[in-house]
Amino acid sequence: MATTGEMQARAGLLDPAANVYFSSVFDSGNGVLMGGEVPESGPVVARVSIAKEPFTEGTDKRHHKQWFYFQLSNVLGRACQVELHVGETSYPDAWTGYWATYSIDQVNWLRAPTQYDAERLTVTFNVEALTANRVYFAYFTPYAYEQHRQLVAEVVQGLGKVPAFQAQHEVVAQSVQGRDIDLFRFGTGPLQVWIIARQHPGESMAEWYMQGLLKELLAADPAGDIAALLQQVTLNLVPNMNPDGSFLGHLRTNAVGANLNREWGATGDYAAPTLERSPEVYGLCQKLERVGCDLFMDVHGDEELPHIFFAGTQGVPRWSPRLAVLYHQFTAAQLKASPHFQTKHGYGNDEPGKANLAICGDAVAQRYDCLAVTLEMPFKAVLREPDMVRGWNPERIHAFAATLFPTLTQVAPMLRAEFPFPNVECNPAQLPDWTQPGYENPPSEEVWPTTA
């Protein structure tokens, strides 16, 4: 729980002689006021740092911090300059080429020209004279916990509009602080497809993606392609695995500092998942055991790379030619469906048998002998057809989410088919390098210029 001093630092006047207020004391907020100036002319200047998260025991063994979200009030007609101090952030290399997001209405978010000073460890961003009395700044377009609650309410209300899909809502777990972990199930097919998001709460693009999927499902033609897919598969969708971290303004961890994407198995003497530190993962694992899994996708955001890509599970002990072909077919289908997706840049693949089985995708692939991928989207603009005004943004994310349905349609018949798959011309010995264990990615290009 924050102390009085910490709460005061998260809200206050920039300059005692002026009337410009700073605050991050709200849902998903993070930012600590270090000082500022409000001159008679020229921009309002705010100096801000990022509050650290609870220490991550057992796995990361550090305090994370990177997500920020705060507001300045009484700035109508003023230009604003924010000097964000980013020393000891979790991903220092991510600030190169990054542009911050800002909004005056929390609906339309734009990118602010941003400069990174590696020697002073500061990120400075500017906005011109404002047409509103308040401006919000964030690491990425936020998806606050209250937005999540509203999404759940809207989807629950809409389930009755798609009776053919036999859609259901269920709470599969509760967080450390008692917030629900919601599961939506669509379809009657025997194949169980799982898509979860926001194990890392600051990766808000992941829940924008889930919102896109859910809205597509609620608007689907009961006689269309999605309906046909849902006769083959049952979709299991968890839009937010980490509601505590979302509310608290964390990048990486839940309320007690657990990195949920390292809580799917033990790390040395550190036991996981547990009801004490990771009930979110513990409850979902129990549901997975009851339902089974034939395809699993974990949706994330990457701080450094301006690309959309899959991270596979090539290092698990059960990796096989069958899984390699499935991974290739699924990736190829996604590549065909979206101009933003690519296969050249990513994380590279683990060496054979060297996967970390405490990581979600690896743990699920090993446990269920199924295709499992991590979908990564950028905090920066996507390098393929970048939007230099808004970056990678909710509208583009929704459109990208819609491409998952034709992608699933292509691969669903193969998920549990006898291998080699009939009618699939794909020789395991001739697959691209990026499908194989030990693959190393080439260096990535930068996307944002240093000046507008």
Protein backbone atom coordinates (compact mmCIF):
# COMPACT_ATOMS: atom_id res chain seq x y z
CA MET A 1 0.00 0.00 0.00
CA ALA A 2 1.34 3.44 -0.94
CA THR A 3 2.48 5.72 1.88
CA THR A 4 1.19 9.27 2.31
CA GLY A 5 4.45 10.62 0.91
CA GLU A 6 4.22 8.38 -2.16
CA MET A 7 0.62 9.41 -2.79
CA GLN A 8 1.58 13.07 -2.50
CA ALA A 9 4.35 12.52 -5.06
CA ARG A 10 1.79 11.00 -7.42
CA ALA A 11 -0.31 14.17 -7.30
CA GLY A 12 0.36 17.85 -6.76
CA LEU A 13 1.14 21.26 -8.18
CA LEU A 14 3.93 21.58 -10.72
CA ASP A 15 4.79 24.98 -9.32
CA PRO A 16 3.44 26.31 -5.99
CA ALA A 17 3.01 29.72 -7.61
CA ALA A 18 0.94 28.34 -10.48
CA ASN A 19 -2.28 26.39 -10.89
CA VAL A 20 -1.17 23.42 -13.03
CA TYR A 21 -1.81 20.07 -11.37
CA PHE A 22 -0.22 16.67 -11.92
CA SER A 23 -1.81 13.32 -11.01
CA SER A 24 -1.42 9.60 -11.63
CA VAL A 25 -3.84 8.65 -8.86
CA PHE A 26 -6.38 6.84 -11.01
CA ASP A 27 -7.10 3.47 -12.59
CA SER A 28 -3.93 2.22 -14.37
CA GLY A 29 -2.03 5.40 -13.47
CA ASN A 30 1.72 5.49 -12.87
CA GLY A 31 3.97 8.50 -12.51
CA VAL A 32 5.75 10.37 -9.73
CA LEU A 33 6.09 14.16 -9.85
CA MET A 34 9.69 15.29 -9.39
CA GLY A 35 9.17 18.98 -10.16
CA GLY A 36 8.26 21.42 -12.88
CA GLU A 37 7.87 25.00 -14.04
CA VAL A 38 4.92 27.03 -15.27
CA PRO A 39 6.45 30.11 -16.93
CA GLU A 40 4.35 33.06 -18.05
CA SER A 41 5.30 32.20 -21.63
CA GLY A 42 6.66 29.03 -23.18
CA PRO A 43 5.70 25.45 -22.43
CA VAL A 44 4.62 24.05 -19.10
CA VAL A 45 7.43 21.72 -17.97
CA ALA A 46 6.82 18.60 -15.86
CA ARG A 47 9.60 16.33 -14.58
CA VAL A 48 8.27 12.85 -13.87
CA SER A 49 9.64 9.44 -12.87
CA ILE A 50 8.04 6.00 -12.95
CA ALA A 51 7.04 4.20 -9.75
CA LYS A 52 8.56 0.76 -9.34
CA GLU A 53 6.52 -2.43 -8.97
CA PRO A 54 6.82 -4.91 -6.07
CA PHE A 55 9.94 -7.07 -6.17
CA THR A 56 9.60 -10.19 -8.36
CA GLU A 57 10.67 -13.11 -6.19
CA GLY A 58 11.99 -16.38 -7.57
CA THR A 59 12.08 -15.58 -11.29
CA ASP A 60 13.02 -12.04 -12.41
CA LYS A 61 14.49 -11.04 -9.01
CA ARG A 62 14.10 -7.33 -9.62
CA HIS A 63 11.71 -4.38 -9.39
CA HIS A 64 10.08 -3.72 -12.76
CA LYS A 65 9.05 -0.31 -14.05
CA GLN A 66 8.30 1.02 -17.53
CA TRP A 67 4.57 1.75 -17.82
CA PHE A 68 3.51 5.37 -17.27
CA TYR A 69 0.12 7.07 -17.41
CA PHE A 70 -0.55 10.49 -15.86
CA GLN A 71 -2.35 13.77 -16.46
CA LEU A 72 -1.73 17.52 -16.35
CA SER A 73 -4.68 19.79 -15.58
CA ASN A 74 -5.38 23.51 -16.12
CA VAL A 75 -3.29 23.61 -19.30
CA LEU A 76 -5.82 25.05 -21.78
CA GLY A 77 -3.96 26.95 -24.48
CA ARG A 78 -0.54 25.91 -23.14
CA ALA A 79 2.17 23.84 -24.79
CA CYS A 80 3.52 21.09 -22.54
CA GLN A 81 6.90 19.43 -22.20
CA VAL A 82 7.40 16.29 -20.13
CA GLU A 83 10.85 15.15 -19.02
CA LEU A 84 10.43 11.51 -18.05
CA HIS A 85 13.29 10.06 -16.00
CA VAL A 86 13.78 6.46 -17.12
CA GLY A 87 16.78 5.27 -15.13
CA GLU A 88 16.53 1.61 -14.02
CA THR A 89 13.57 0.88 -16.27
CA SER A 90 13.03 -2.72 -17.26
CA TYR A 91 13.81 -2.22 -20.96
CA PRO A 92 16.21 0.73 -21.37
CA ASP A 93 16.84 -0.06 -25.05
CA ALA A 94 13.12 0.39 -25.74
CA TRP A 95 13.31 4.18 -25.43
CA THR A 96 15.36 4.53 -28.62
CA GLY A 97 12.93 5.28 -31.42
CA TYR A 98 9.93 5.47 -29.08
CA TRP A 99 7.25 8.20 -29.21
CA ALA A 100 4.89 8.70 -26.26
CA THR A 101 1.11 8.72 -26.60
CA TYR A 102 -1.13 11.57 -25.47
CA SER A 103 -4.82 12.45 -25.49
CA ILE A 104 -7.14 15.27 -24.44
CA ASP A 105 -10.26 13.07 -24.28
CA GLN A 106 -8.96 9.54 -23.50
CA VAL A 107 -10.57 8.36 -26.75
CA ASN A 108 -8.28 9.69 -29.47
CA TRP A 109 -4.62 9.03 -28.73
CA LEU A 110 -1.80 10.54 -30.77
CA ARG A 111 1.99 10.27 -30.71
CA ALA A 112 4.10 13.11 -29.35
CA PRO A 113 7.56 13.83 -30.80
CA THR A 114 9.96 12.26 -28.31
CA GLN A 115 13.72 12.42 -27.76
CA TYR A 116 15.77 9.98 -25.68
CA ASP A 117 18.93 11.18 -23.92
CA ALA A 118 20.90 8.04 -23.07
CA GLU A 119 23.44 9.93 -20.94
CA ARG A 120 20.86 11.69 -18.76
CA LEU A 121 18.44 8.71 -18.95
CA THR A 122 15.55 10.97 -19.85
CA VAL A 123 12.77 10.81 -22.41
CA THR A 124 11.38 14.22 -23.40
CA PHE A 125 8.13 14.69 -25.29
CA ASN A 126 6.25 17.80 -26.33
CA VAL A 127 2.72 18.79 -27.34
CA GLU A 128 1.65 22.07 -28.92
CA ALA A 129 -0.89 24.51 -27.45
CA LEU A 130 -3.74 22.41 -26.12
CA THR A 131 -7.42 22.87 -26.93
CA ALA A 132 -8.55 21.26 -23.67
CA ASN A 133 -7.88 21.94 -20.02
CA ARG A 134 -6.41 18.48 -19.33
CA VAL A 135 -3.93 16.27 -21.19
CA TYR A 136 -3.09 12.61 -20.57
CA PHE A 137 0.23 10.94 -21.33
CA ALA A 138 0.79 7.17 -21.47
CA TYR A 139 3.28 4.55 -22.60
CA PHE A 140 0.64 3.11 -24.94
CA THR A 141 -3.08 3.68 -25.42
CA PRO A 142 -4.37 2.58 -22.00
CA TYR A 143 -6.94 -0.12 -21.37
CA ALA A 144 -7.91 0.64 -17.78
CA TYR A 145 -9.50 -1.89 -15.46
CA GLU A 146 -12.83 -0.04 -15.64
CA GLN A 147 -12.71 -0.43 -19.43
CA HIS A 148 -12.21 -4.15 -18.87
CA ARG A 149 -15.25 -4.29 -16.59
CA GLN A 150 -17.31 -2.47 -19.21
CA LEU A 151 -16.09 -4.86 -21.93
CA VAL A 152 -17.10 -7.87 -19.85
CA ALA A 153 -20.53 -6.36 -19.17
CA GLU A 154 -21.11 -5.61 -22.87
CA VAL A 155 -20.03 -9.08 -23.98
CA VAL A 156 -22.14 -10.82 -21.31
CA GLN A 157 -25.12 -8.75 -22.47
CA GLY A 158 -24.40 -9.63 -26.10
CA LEU A 159 -24.05 -13.40 -25.69
CA GLY A 160 -27.76 -13.93 -26.19
CA LYS A 161 -27.54 -12.36 -29.64
CA VAL A 162 -25.44 -15.27 -30.94
CA PRO A 163 -27.38 -18.34 -29.71
CA ALA A 164 -25.97 -20.53 -32.48
CA PHE A 165 -22.49 -20.15 -30.96
CA GLN A 166 -23.63 -21.40 -27.52
CA ALA A 167 -21.51 -18.67 -25.97
CA GLN A 168 -20.86 -18.71 -22.23
CA HIS A 169 -19.22 -16.55 -19.59
CA GLU A 170 -17.43 -17.98 -16.57
CA VAL A 171 -15.10 -16.72 -13.85
CA VAL A 172 -12.21 -19.20 -13.69
CA ALA A 173 -10.17 -17.58 -10.91
CA GLN A 174 -9.71 -14.47 -8.86
CA SER A 175 -6.61 -12.32 -8.56
CA VAL A 176 -4.54 -11.73 -5.46
CA GLN A 177 -6.71 -8.70 -4.67
CA GLY A 178 -9.95 -10.49 -5.52
CA ARG A 179 -10.66 -9.33 -9.08
CA ASP A 180 -12.30 -11.83 -11.43
CA ILE A 181 -10.46 -13.64 -14.22
CA ASP A 182 -13.14 -13.83 -16.93
CA LEU A 183 -13.43 -16.57 -19.55
CA PHE A 184 -15.67 -16.40 -22.62
CA ARG A 185 -16.39 -19.57 -24.58
CA PHE A 186 -17.76 -19.55 -28.13
CA GLY A 187 -18.57 -22.54 -30.32
CA THR A 188 -19.47 -26.20 -30.23
CA GLY A 189 -16.44 -27.73 -31.93
CA PRO A 190 -14.43 -30.52 -30.31
CA LEU A 191 -11.09 -28.72 -30.73
CA GLN A 192 -10.24 -26.44 -27.81
CA VAL A 193 -8.54 -23.18 -28.86
CA TRP A 194 -7.32 -20.93 -26.05
CA ILE A 195 -6.42 -17.25 -26.41
CA ILE A 196 -5.34 -15.36 -23.31
CA ALA A 197 -4.03 -11.82 -22.92
CA ARG A 198 -2.41 -9.34 -20.61
CA GLN A 199 -0.39 -11.56 -18.34
CA HIS A 200 1.84 -8.48 -18.42
CA PRO A 201 -0.64 -5.73 -17.54
CA GLY A 202 1.20 -2.80 -19.11
CA GLU A 203 0.91 -4.48 -22.52
CA SER A 204 -2.49 -2.92 -23.06
CA MET A 205 -2.47 -3.64 -26.80
CA ALA A 206 -3.18 -7.25 -25.82
CA GLU A 207 -6.60 -6.38 -24.41
CA TRP A 208 -7.37 -4.13 -27.36
CA TYR A 209 -6.73 -7.25 -29.45
CA MET A 210 -9.11 -9.31 -27.32
CA GLN A 211 -11.76 -6.62 -27.59
CA GLY A 212 -11.42 -6.85 -31.36
CA LEU A 213 -11.90 -10.64 -31.29
CA LEU A 214 -14.94 -10.41 -29.01
CA LYS A 215 -16.63 -7.72 -31.09
CA GLU A 216 -16.07 -9.73 -34.26
CA LEU A 217 -17.68 -12.76 -32.62
CA LEU A 218 -20.72 -10.83 -31.39
CA ALA A 219 -21.24 -9.33 -34.84
CA ALA A 220 -20.62 -12.55 -36.79
CA ASP A 221 -23.08 -13.85 -39.37
CA PRO A 222 -24.66 -17.03 -37.92
CA ALA A 223 -24.30 -18.59 -41.38
CA GLY A 224 -20.88 -17.16 -42.21
CA ASP A 225 -17.25 -18.23 -42.04
CA ILE A 226 -16.83 -17.63 -38.31
CA ALA A 227 -19.90 -19.75 -37.61
CA ALA A 228 -18.43 -22.56 -39.71
CA LEU A 229 -15.16 -22.30 -37.76
CA LEU A 230 -17.05 -22.54 -34.46
CA GLN A 231 -18.44 -25.90 -35.53
CA GLN A 232 -14.86 -27.18 -35.64
CA VAL A 233 -13.44 -25.42 -32.58
CA THR A 234 -14.51 -23.98 -29.26
CA LEU A 235 -12.83 -20.65 -28.58
CA ASN A 236 -11.78 -20.00 -24.98
CA LEU A 237 -10.96 -16.31 -24.54
CA VAL A 238 -9.48 -14.69 -21.42
CA PRO A 239 -9.24 -10.93 -22.12
CA ASN A 240 -7.26 -9.97 -19.00
CA MET A 241 -5.15 -12.37 -16.93
CA ASN A 242 -3.79 -9.64 -14.65
CA PRO A 243 -6.50 -7.20 -13.55
CA ASP A 244 -4.61 -6.22 -10.38
CA GLY A 245 -1.56 -5.13 -12.33
CA SER A 246 -3.79 -3.34 -14.84
CA PHE A 247 -5.45 -1.31 -12.09
CA LEU A 248 -2.20 -0.61 -10.23
CA GLY A 249 -0.34 0.73 -13.28
CA HIS A 250 2.21 -2.08 -13.52
CA LEU A 251 4.09 -3.08 -16.64
CA ARG A 252 5.03 -6.63 -15.80
CA THR A 253 3.62 -7.97 -12.53
CA ASN A 254 0.56 -8.62 -10.41
CA ALA A 255 -0.22 -7.09 -7.01
CA VAL A 256 2.53 -9.03 -5.18
CA GLY A 257 5.19 -8.71 -7.87
CA ALA A 258 4.69 -12.06 -9.62
CA ASN A 259 5.51 -12.14 -13.34
CA LEU A 260 2.59 -14.32 -14.43
CA ASN A 261 4.37 -15.42 -17.60
CA ARG A 262 7.00 -17.08 -15.40
CA GLU A 263 4.47 -18.73 -13.07
CA TRP A 264 3.48 -21.74 -15.23
CA GLY A 265 5.99 -24.01 -13.55
CA ALA A 266 8.68 -24.06 -10.90
CA THR A 267 11.92 -22.10 -11.26
CA GLY A 268 14.55 -23.86 -9.15
CA ASP A 269 13.27 -23.89 -5.58
CA TYR A 270 10.58 -21.34 -6.41
CA ALA A 271 7.22 -23.15 -6.67
CA ALA A 272 4.65 -21.92 -9.17
CA PRO A 273 1.83 -21.43 -9.75
CA THR A 274 0.51 -20.96 -6.21
CA LEU A 275 -2.68 -19.57 -4.72
CA GLU A 276 -0.59 -17.12 -2.70
CA ARG A 277 1.41 -15.48 -5.50
CA SER A 278 -0.26 -16.42 -8.78
CA PRO A 279 -3.89 -17.52 -8.26
CA GLU A 280 -4.64 -16.12 -11.73
CA VAL A 281 -2.45 -18.77 -13.39
CA TYR A 282 -3.32 -21.48 -10.86
CA GLY A 283 -7.05 -21.19 -11.60
CA LEU A 284 -6.58 -21.13 -15.36
CA CYS A 285 -4.36 -24.21 -15.25
CA GLN A 286 -7.12 -26.09 -13.44
CA LYS A 287 -9.61 -25.09 -16.15
CA LEU A 288 -7.17 -26.14 -18.87
CA GLU A 289 -6.89 -29.57 -17.26
CA ARG A 290 -10.66 -29.99 -17.29
CA VAL A 291 -11.20 -28.73 -20.84
CA GLY A 292 -8.00 -29.69 -22.67
CA CYS A 293 -6.08 -27.70 -25.25
CA ASP A 294 -5.46 -28.15 -28.99
CA LEU A 295 -4.09 -24.67 -29.81
CA PHE A 296 -2.93 -21.95 -27.43
CA MET A 297 -2.08 -18.31 -28.11
CA ASP A 298 -0.79 -15.89 -25.47
CA VAL A 299 -1.11 -12.22 -26.54
CA HIS A 300 1.61 -9.76 -25.53
CA GLY A 301 3.35 -6.51 -26.45
CA ASP A 302 7.07 -5.98 -27.07
CA GLU A 303 8.76 -2.81 -25.85
CA GLU A 304 11.73 -2.80 -28.23
CA LEU A 305 10.82 -4.27 -31.63
CA PRO A 306 8.63 -2.41 -34.15
CA HIS A 307 7.22 -5.68 -35.47
CA ILE A 308 4.35 -8.14 -35.10
CA PHE A 309 5.47 -11.74 -34.83
CA PHE A 310 4.98 -15.11 -33.19
CA ALA A 311 7.33 -16.58 -30.63
CA GLY A 312 7.19 -20.37 -30.85
CA THR A 313 7.99 -23.24 -28.51
CA GLN A 314 10.79 -24.89 -30.48
CA GLY A 315 12.83 -25.61 -27.36
CA VAL A 316 10.33 -27.84 -25.55
CA PRO A 317 11.31 -31.51 -25.16
CA ARG A 318 8.16 -32.62 -27.05
CA TRP A 319 8.93 -30.48 -30.12
CA SER A 320 8.44 -32.64 -33.20
CA PRO A 321 8.08 -32.50 -36.99
CA ARG A 322 4.31 -32.40 -36.44
CA LEU A 323 4.52 -29.27 -34.29
CA ALA A 324 7.00 -27.71 -36.72
CA VAL A 325 4.58 -28.17 -39.62
CA LEU A 326 1.68 -26.83 -37.56
CA TYR A 327 3.72 -23.78 -36.58
CA HIS A 328 4.68 -23.18 -40.20
CA GLN A 329 1.12 -23.55 -41.47
CA PHE A 330 -0.35 -21.30 -38.77
CA THR A 331 2.31 -18.63 -39.31
CA ALA A 332 1.97 -18.79 -43.09
CA ALA A 333 -1.81 -18.37 -42.81
CA GLN A 334 -1.41 -15.34 -40.53
CA LEU A 335 1.19 -13.88 -42.90
CA LYS A 336 -1.27 -14.19 -45.79
CA ALA A 337 -4.12 -12.66 -43.77
CA SER A 338 -2.35 -9.50 -42.53
CA PRO A 339 0.03 -7.00 -44.17
CA HIS A 340 1.43 -6.06 -40.75
CA PHE A 341 2.54 -9.52 -39.65
CA GLN A 342 6.04 -10.77 -40.52
CA THR A 343 8.46 -13.64 -39.85
CA LYS A 344 11.90 -12.07 -40.33
CA HIS A 345 12.27 -10.37 -36.94
CA GLY A 346 11.46 -11.71 -33.50
CA TYR A 347 13.14 -13.35 -30.52
CA GLY A 348 14.76 -16.32 -32.18
CA ASN A 349 14.18 -19.88 -30.99
CA ASP A 350 15.49 -21.85 -28.02
CA GLU A 351 17.96 -24.65 -28.58
CA PRO A 352 16.48 -28.19 -28.53
CA GLY A 353 15.21 -29.10 -25.08
CA LYS A 354 16.27 -25.76 -23.56
CA ALA A 355 12.86 -24.08 -23.26
CA ASN A 356 11.89 -22.44 -19.97
CA LEU A 357 8.88 -24.50 -18.90
CA ALA A 358 7.85 -21.79 -16.43
CA ILE A 359 6.82 -19.67 -19.45
CA CYS A 360 3.21 -20.02 -20.52
CA GLY A 361 3.57 -21.06 -24.16
CA ASP A 362 6.34 -23.56 -23.47
CA ALA A 363 4.51 -25.06 -20.50
CA VAL A 364 1.27 -25.52 -22.45
CA ALA A 365 2.98 -26.95 -25.54
CA GLN A 366 4.85 -29.46 -23.41
CA ARG A 367 1.83 -30.43 -21.29
CA TYR A 368 -0.68 -30.84 -24.13
CA ASP A 369 1.58 -31.62 -27.13
CA CYS A 370 -0.18 -28.81 -28.98
CA LEU A 371 0.62 -25.82 -31.12
CA ALA A 372 1.32 -22.88 -28.78
CA VAL A 373 2.50 -19.41 -29.77
CA THR A 374 3.05 -16.05 -28.17
CA LEU A 375 1.75 -13.18 -30.29
CA GLU A 376 3.87 -10.05 -29.91
CA MET A 377 2.75 -6.56 -31.00
CA PRO A 378 4.78 -3.34 -30.70
CA PHE A 379 4.58 -0.36 -28.37
CA LYS A 380 6.16 1.57 -31.24
CA ALA A 381 4.67 1.90 -34.71
CA VAL A 382 4.69 -1.31 -36.69
CA LEU A 383 7.43 -1.14 -39.31
CA ARG A 384 5.19 -2.56 -42.04
CA GLU A 385 2.98 0.34 -43.19
CA PRO A 386 3.61 2.54 -40.11
CA ASP A 387 1.15 5.17 -38.94
CA MET A 388 3.37 8.12 -38.03
CA VAL A 389 0.55 10.00 -36.27
CA ARG A 390 -0.91 7.35 -33.96
CA GLY A 391 1.55 4.46 -34.08
CA TRP A 392 0.20 0.96 -33.53
CA ASN A 393 -3.25 1.83 -32.24
CA PRO A 394 -6.61 0.29 -31.24
CA GLU A 395 -8.22 0.67 -34.67
CA ARG A 396 -5.35 -1.15 -36.38
CA ILE A 397 -5.28 -3.74 -33.61
CA HIS A 398 -8.99 -4.48 -34.06
CA ALA A 399 -8.49 -4.95 -37.80
CA PHE A 400 -5.53 -7.22 -37.14
CA ALA A 401 -7.50 -9.27 -34.61
CA ALA A 402 -10.12 -9.99 -37.26
CA THR A 403 -7.48 -11.76 -39.35
CA LEU A 404 -7.16 -14.49 -36.73
CA PHE A 405 -10.40 -16.13 -37.82
CA PRO A 406 -9.30 -17.01 -41.39
CA THR A 407 -5.93 -18.01 -39.92
CA LEU A 408 -7.60 -20.46 -37.52
CA THR A 409 -9.82 -21.74 -40.30
CA GLN A 410 -6.75 -22.76 -42.29
CA VAL A 411 -5.07 -24.69 -39.48
CA ALA A 412 -8.00 -26.13 -37.49
CA PRO A 413 -8.38 -29.34 -39.55
CA MET A 414 -4.72 -30.21 -38.85
CA LEU A 415 -4.59 -29.63 -35.09
CA ARG A 416 -5.24 -33.25 -34.09
CA ALA A 417 -5.12 -34.91 -37.51
CA GLU A 418 -2.88 -37.90 -38.07
CA PHE A 419 0.61 -36.86 -39.12
CA PRO A 420 1.80 -36.52 -41.87
CA PHE A 421 -1.22 -34.34 -42.59
CA PRO A 422 -3.23 -35.31 -45.66
CA ASN A 423 -3.47 -32.73 -48.44
CA VAL A 424 -0.71 -30.56 -46.92
CA GLU A 425 2.38 -30.15 -49.08
CA CYS A 426 4.89 -29.35 -46.36
CA ASN A 427 8.03 -31.44 -45.98
CA PRO A 428 9.36 -31.12 -42.40
CA ALA A 429 12.91 -31.40 -43.74
CA GLN A 430 12.40 -28.34 -45.98
CA LEU A 431 10.77 -25.91 -43.55
CA PRO A 432 12.18 -22.36 -43.24
CA ASP A 433 14.90 -21.73 -40.67
CA TRP A 434 12.56 -19.66 -38.48
CA THR A 435 10.53 -22.77 -37.67
CA GLN A 436 13.52 -24.62 -36.24
CA PRO A 437 15.13 -24.78 -32.76
CA GLY A 438 18.18 -22.55 -32.39
CA TYR A 439 17.15 -20.01 -35.05
CA GLU A 440 18.71 -16.56 -34.52
CA ASN A 441 16.89 -13.47 -35.78
CA PRO A 442 18.67 -10.74 -37.72
CA PRO A 443 18.86 -7.29 -36.04
CA SER A 444 15.70 -5.20 -36.27
CA GLU A 445 15.38 -1.82 -37.97
CA GLU A 446 14.17 1.25 -36.10
CA VAL A 447 10.84 2.75 -37.06
CA TRP A 448 10.44 6.18 -35.49
CA PRO A 449 12.64 9.07 -36.65
CA THR A 450 14.36 11.20 -34.02
CA THR A 451 12.65 14.29 -35.43
CA ALA A 452 9.24 14.77 -36.98
